[in-house]
Protein backbone atom coordinates (compact mmCIF):
# COMPACT_ATOMS: atom_id res chain seq x y z
CA MET A 1 -26.66 3.08 -14.44
CA THR A 2 -26.22 6.86 -14.54
CA ALA A 3 -25.51 8.78 -17.74
CA LEU A 4 -21.97 9.47 -16.48
CA ARG A 5 -21.41 5.80 -15.71
CA ARG A 6 -22.67 4.81 -19.18
CA ALA A 7 -20.38 7.38 -20.79
CA THR A 8 -17.44 6.20 -18.73
CA VAL A 9 -17.99 2.55 -19.63
CA ALA A 10 -18.35 3.48 -23.30
CA ALA A 11 -15.09 5.45 -23.16
CA LEU A 12 -13.36 2.53 -21.47
CA ALA A 13 -14.59 0.10 -24.12
CA THR A 14 -13.37 2.36 -26.93
CA GLY A 15 -10.02 2.97 -25.29
CA LEU A 16 -9.48 -0.69 -24.43
CA ALA A 17 -10.13 -1.59 -28.04
CA THR A 18 -7.31 0.78 -28.99
CA PHE A 19 -4.96 -0.95 -26.54
CA ALA A 20 -6.01 -4.45 -27.53
CA MET A 21 -5.84 -3.91 -31.26
CA ALA A 22 -2.44 -2.24 -31.24
CA GLY A 23 -0.17 -4.66 -33.04
CA CYS A 24 -2.53 -7.62 -32.70
CA GLY A 25 -4.34 -7.69 -36.01
CA SER A 26 -7.96 -8.78 -36.42
CA LYS A 27 -9.57 -11.54 -34.42
CA ALA A 28 -9.58 -14.90 -36.20
CA SER A 29 -11.93 -16.66 -33.77
CA PRO A 30 -14.72 -15.84 -31.28
CA ARG A 31 -12.25 -16.17 -28.41
CA PRO A 32 -9.41 -13.62 -28.55
CA SER A 33 -5.90 -14.88 -29.11
CA ASP A 34 -3.46 -15.05 -26.19
CA ALA A 35 -1.76 -11.89 -27.53
CA GLU A 36 -5.07 -10.04 -27.58
CA LEU A 37 -5.93 -11.22 -24.07
CA ALA A 38 -2.55 -10.00 -22.85
CA SER A 39 -3.04 -6.60 -24.53
CA ASP A 40 -6.51 -6.33 -23.03
CA ALA A 41 -5.25 -7.10 -19.51
CA ILE A 42 -2.36 -4.63 -19.89
CA GLY A 43 -4.70 -1.88 -21.10
CA ARG A 44 -7.05 -2.36 -18.16
CA SER A 45 -4.22 -2.48 -15.62
CA ASN A 46 -2.75 0.77 -16.96
CA ILE A 47 -6.10 2.51 -16.52
CA ILE A 48 -6.65 1.19 -12.99
CA MET A 49 -3.22 2.20 -11.74
CA ALA A 50 -3.35 5.63 -13.38
CA GLN A 51 -6.71 6.15 -11.66
CA LEU A 52 -5.34 5.10 -8.27
CA ALA A 53 -2.32 7.37 -8.59
CA LEU A 54 -4.56 10.23 -9.67
CA ASP A 55 -6.88 9.72 -6.71
CA ASP A 56 -4.15 9.39 -4.07
CA GLY A 57 -2.23 12.40 -5.35
CA GLY A 58 0.63 10.56 -7.01
CA ILE A 59 0.05 12.15 -10.41
CA PRO A 60 -1.55 15.46 -11.47
CA VAL A 61 -4.43 15.54 -13.94
CA SER A 62 -2.35 17.60 -16.35
CA VAL A 63 0.04 14.71 -16.97
CA LEU A 64 -2.74 12.55 -18.41
CA GLY A 65 -3.62 15.15 -21.02
CA PRO A 66 -6.79 16.94 -22.21
CA GLY A 67 -9.94 14.84 -22.17
CA SER A 68 -8.30 11.93 -20.36
CA VAL A 69 -10.08 12.68 -17.07
CA VAL A 70 -13.84 13.32 -16.96
CA ASP A 71 -15.34 14.29 -13.59
CA GLY A 72 -12.34 12.73 -11.87
CA VAL A 73 -12.56 9.44 -13.77
CA VAL A 74 -9.90 8.33 -16.26
CA ALA A 75 -11.64 8.11 -19.62
CA VAL A 76 -9.38 6.24 -22.00
CA SER A 77 -8.48 7.88 -25.27
CA ALA A 78 -5.63 8.08 -27.74
CA GLN A 79 -4.39 11.05 -25.69
CA PHE A 80 -4.38 8.93 -22.52
CA GLN A 81 -2.47 6.15 -24.25
CA THR A 82 0.18 8.58 -25.51
CA SER A 83 0.48 10.35 -22.15
CA TYR A 84 0.68 7.07 -20.27
CA GLU A 85 3.37 5.59 -22.51
CA THR A 86 5.51 8.72 -22.67
CA SER A 87 5.34 10.02 -19.11
CA ALA A 88 2.52 8.96 -16.76
CA GLN A 89 3.77 5.41 -16.21
CA ASN A 90 7.01 6.78 -14.80
CA TYR A 91 5.33 8.77 -12.03
CA PRO A 92 5.28 7.34 -8.49
CA LEU A 93 2.14 5.69 -7.16
CA SER A 94 2.01 8.30 -4.41
CA ALA A 95 4.09 11.03 -2.84
CA LYS A 96 5.27 8.45 -0.29
CA SER A 97 6.36 5.81 -2.80
CA SER A 98 9.28 5.12 -5.10
CA VAL A 99 7.24 2.46 -6.96
CA ARG A 100 6.32 3.63 -10.44
CA ILE A 101 2.78 3.46 -11.83
CA GLY A 102 4.05 1.31 -14.69
CA ASP A 103 5.67 -1.20 -12.35
CA GLU A 104 2.50 -1.55 -10.30
CA ALA A 105 0.48 -1.95 -13.52
CA VAL A 106 2.54 -5.06 -14.26
CA LYS A 107 1.37 -6.55 -10.96
CA ALA A 108 -2.21 -5.52 -11.72
CA GLU A 109 -2.01 -7.22 -15.10
CA LYS A 110 -0.99 -10.46 -13.41
CA SER A 111 -3.99 -10.16 -11.09
CA LEU A 112 -6.32 -9.67 -14.05
CA ARG A 113 -5.06 -12.92 -15.53
CA HIS A 114 -6.88 -14.66 -12.68
CA LEU A 115 -10.15 -13.72 -14.40
CA ALA A 116 -11.44 -16.59 -16.52
CA ARG A 117 -12.20 -14.36 -19.52
CA LEU A 118 -8.63 -12.98 -19.59
CA GLN A 119 -6.75 -16.23 -19.04
CA SER A 120 -4.50 -17.51 -21.79
CA ALA A 121 -4.03 -21.15 -22.71
CA SER A 122 -0.81 -21.08 -20.66
CA ASP A 123 -2.66 -19.66 -17.64
CA ARG A 124 -5.17 -22.48 -17.85
CA ASP A 125 -2.44 -25.10 -18.33
CA HIS A 126 -0.74 -23.83 -15.18
CA HIS A 127 -4.04 -23.85 -13.27
CA VAL A 128 -3.93 -20.17 -12.37
CA ALA A 129 -6.51 -19.76 -9.61
CA ALA A 130 -9.77 -18.19 -10.77
CA TRP A 131 -10.83 -14.96 -9.05
CA THR A 132 -14.08 -13.06 -9.26
CA PRO A 133 -13.95 -9.48 -10.61
CA ASP A 134 -14.56 -8.20 -7.06
CA GLU A 135 -11.61 -10.20 -5.73
CA ALA A 136 -9.35 -8.93 -8.50
CA ALA A 137 -10.39 -5.31 -7.90
CA ARG A 138 -9.69 -5.58 -4.17
CA VAL A 139 -6.31 -7.24 -4.70
CA ILE A 140 -5.24 -4.60 -7.22
CA VAL A 141 -6.36 -1.57 -5.20
CA VAL A 142 -5.19 -2.77 -1.78
CA GLY A 143 -1.93 -4.05 -3.28
CA GLY A 144 -1.46 -0.66 -4.90
CA LEU A 145 -2.06 1.12 -1.59
CA VAL A 146 0.51 -1.11 0.12
CA ASP A 147 3.13 -0.47 -2.56
CA ALA A 148 2.26 3.23 -2.51
CA GLY A 149 3.24 3.28 1.16
CA LEU A 150 -0.29 4.21 2.20
CA VAL A 151 -1.20 0.93 3.94
CA PRO A 152 1.39 -0.82 6.17
CA ARG A 153 2.22 -4.38 5.12
CA THR A 154 1.87 -5.40 8.76
CA ASP A 155 -1.84 -4.54 8.59
CA LEU A 156 -2.34 -7.34 6.09
CA ALA A 157 -0.66 -10.25 7.85
CA GLY A 158 -1.69 -13.42 6.02
CA GLY A 159 -2.85 -11.49 2.96
CA PHE A 160 0.26 -12.03 0.84
CA ASP A 161 1.22 -14.72 -1.65
CA HIS A 162 4.01 -16.86 -0.18
CA VAL A 163 5.98 -16.86 -3.44
CA SER A 164 5.54 -13.40 -4.97
CA LEU A 165 4.97 -11.68 -1.60
CA ASP A 166 2.26 -9.59 -3.28
CA VAL A 167 -1.26 -9.07 -1.95
CA THR A 168 -3.49 -11.95 -2.98
CA ALA A 169 -7.13 -12.99 -2.69
CA SER A 170 -7.51 -14.46 0.79
CA PRO A 171 -9.64 -14.41 3.95
CA ALA A 172 -7.09 -12.00 5.45
CA LEU A 173 -7.64 -9.52 2.61
CA ASP A 174 -11.42 -9.91 2.89
CA ALA A 175 -11.26 -9.19 6.62
CA TRP A 176 -9.04 -6.13 6.14
CA TYR A 177 -11.27 -4.78 3.38
CA SER A 178 -14.45 -5.28 5.41
CA ALA A 179 -12.91 -3.32 8.27
CA HIS A 180 -11.43 -0.48 6.20
CA GLN A 181 -13.53 -0.08 3.03
CA SER A 182 -15.41 2.96 4.35
CA GLU A 183 -12.22 4.83 5.27
CA ARG A 184 -11.04 7.74 3.18
CA LEU A 185 -8.59 6.88 0.44
CA PRO A 186 -5.21 8.30 1.54
CA GLY A 187 -4.56 11.47 -0.43
CA SER A 188 -8.23 12.02 -1.30
CA SER A 189 -10.65 14.34 0.45
CA SER A 190 -13.79 12.66 -0.81
CA LEU A 191 -13.20 9.10 -2.02
CA THR A 192 -13.25 5.99 0.16
CA ILE A 193 -11.29 2.81 -0.40
CA ALA A 194 -14.55 1.19 -1.51
CA ASP A 195 -15.03 3.97 -4.09
CA GLU A 196 -11.61 3.21 -5.54
CA VAL A 197 -12.38 -0.50 -5.69
CA SER A 198 -15.63 0.36 -7.51
CA ARG A 199 -13.68 2.39 -10.05
CA ALA A 200 -11.32 -0.51 -10.63
CA LEU A 201 -14.29 -2.86 -10.94
CA ALA A 202 -15.84 -0.65 -13.63
CA VAL A 203 -12.66 -1.00 -15.70
CA ILE A 204 -12.54 -4.76 -15.11
CA ASN A 205 -16.20 -5.18 -16.14
CA ALA A 206 -16.05 -2.92 -19.18
CA PRO A 207 -16.98 -4.81 -22.40
CA GLN A 208 -14.18 -6.81 -23.90
CA PRO A 209 -12.94 -5.33 -27.20
C-alpha cells in the first residue's frame, strides 16, 4: 500500500467515525447498533457518490471545500461533511443528469446494506442477499453512471432488479463490467471505470468506526 493510499484510508476512517458517531452515542456492544450501521453506510455512500460526481465532472472541487480533496481523492473531514450537507448533495451526478448526488447516495446506501458487516437485524430478518465488497462497488459505480446518463440502460439488459429497477449484482453486470472496465470514465481524461470502482472499494473497505 502506497503512502498516499495509507493516508487516504486513514482519512476515510477518521471521517467515517465522524459520520457514524453523529447522534448515535457510544457503542454498547462489540457489534454496532442498527443506528450506527445505518450511519456508517450513509457516510460511505456520500463519499462514494461525491467522488463519482467529482470524477465525471458533475461537481467542482471548490464545492467540497479546502482539504476535502487530496490528489483527486475525496478525503473525508468535518469540512467535507459540512459542504456535503449544505450544498454538494444537491449537485447533479453529471452535466447530463438531473439526478442529485444525494438521491444517488440513497441508492448506494441500500447497496452497502448487502454487505454482511453493514446489515442490520432487519436486513438479516428479510434475508437481504449478501454481496462481496467488489460486487457492491461495481453496482454502485455502474448504477451511478447509468443514472448520470453516461451509460445507456439498454447496455445493461438483464442487469437490473425486477422490483426497484436499479442496477444489481448479476451475471449481466459482470459481463458488462468485464467488457468496459478499461474504458475511460465519462468526463475524465485519465481515470478508467475500473479506477472508479477501485476508489469506491477503498471507501467500502476502510476500517469500520
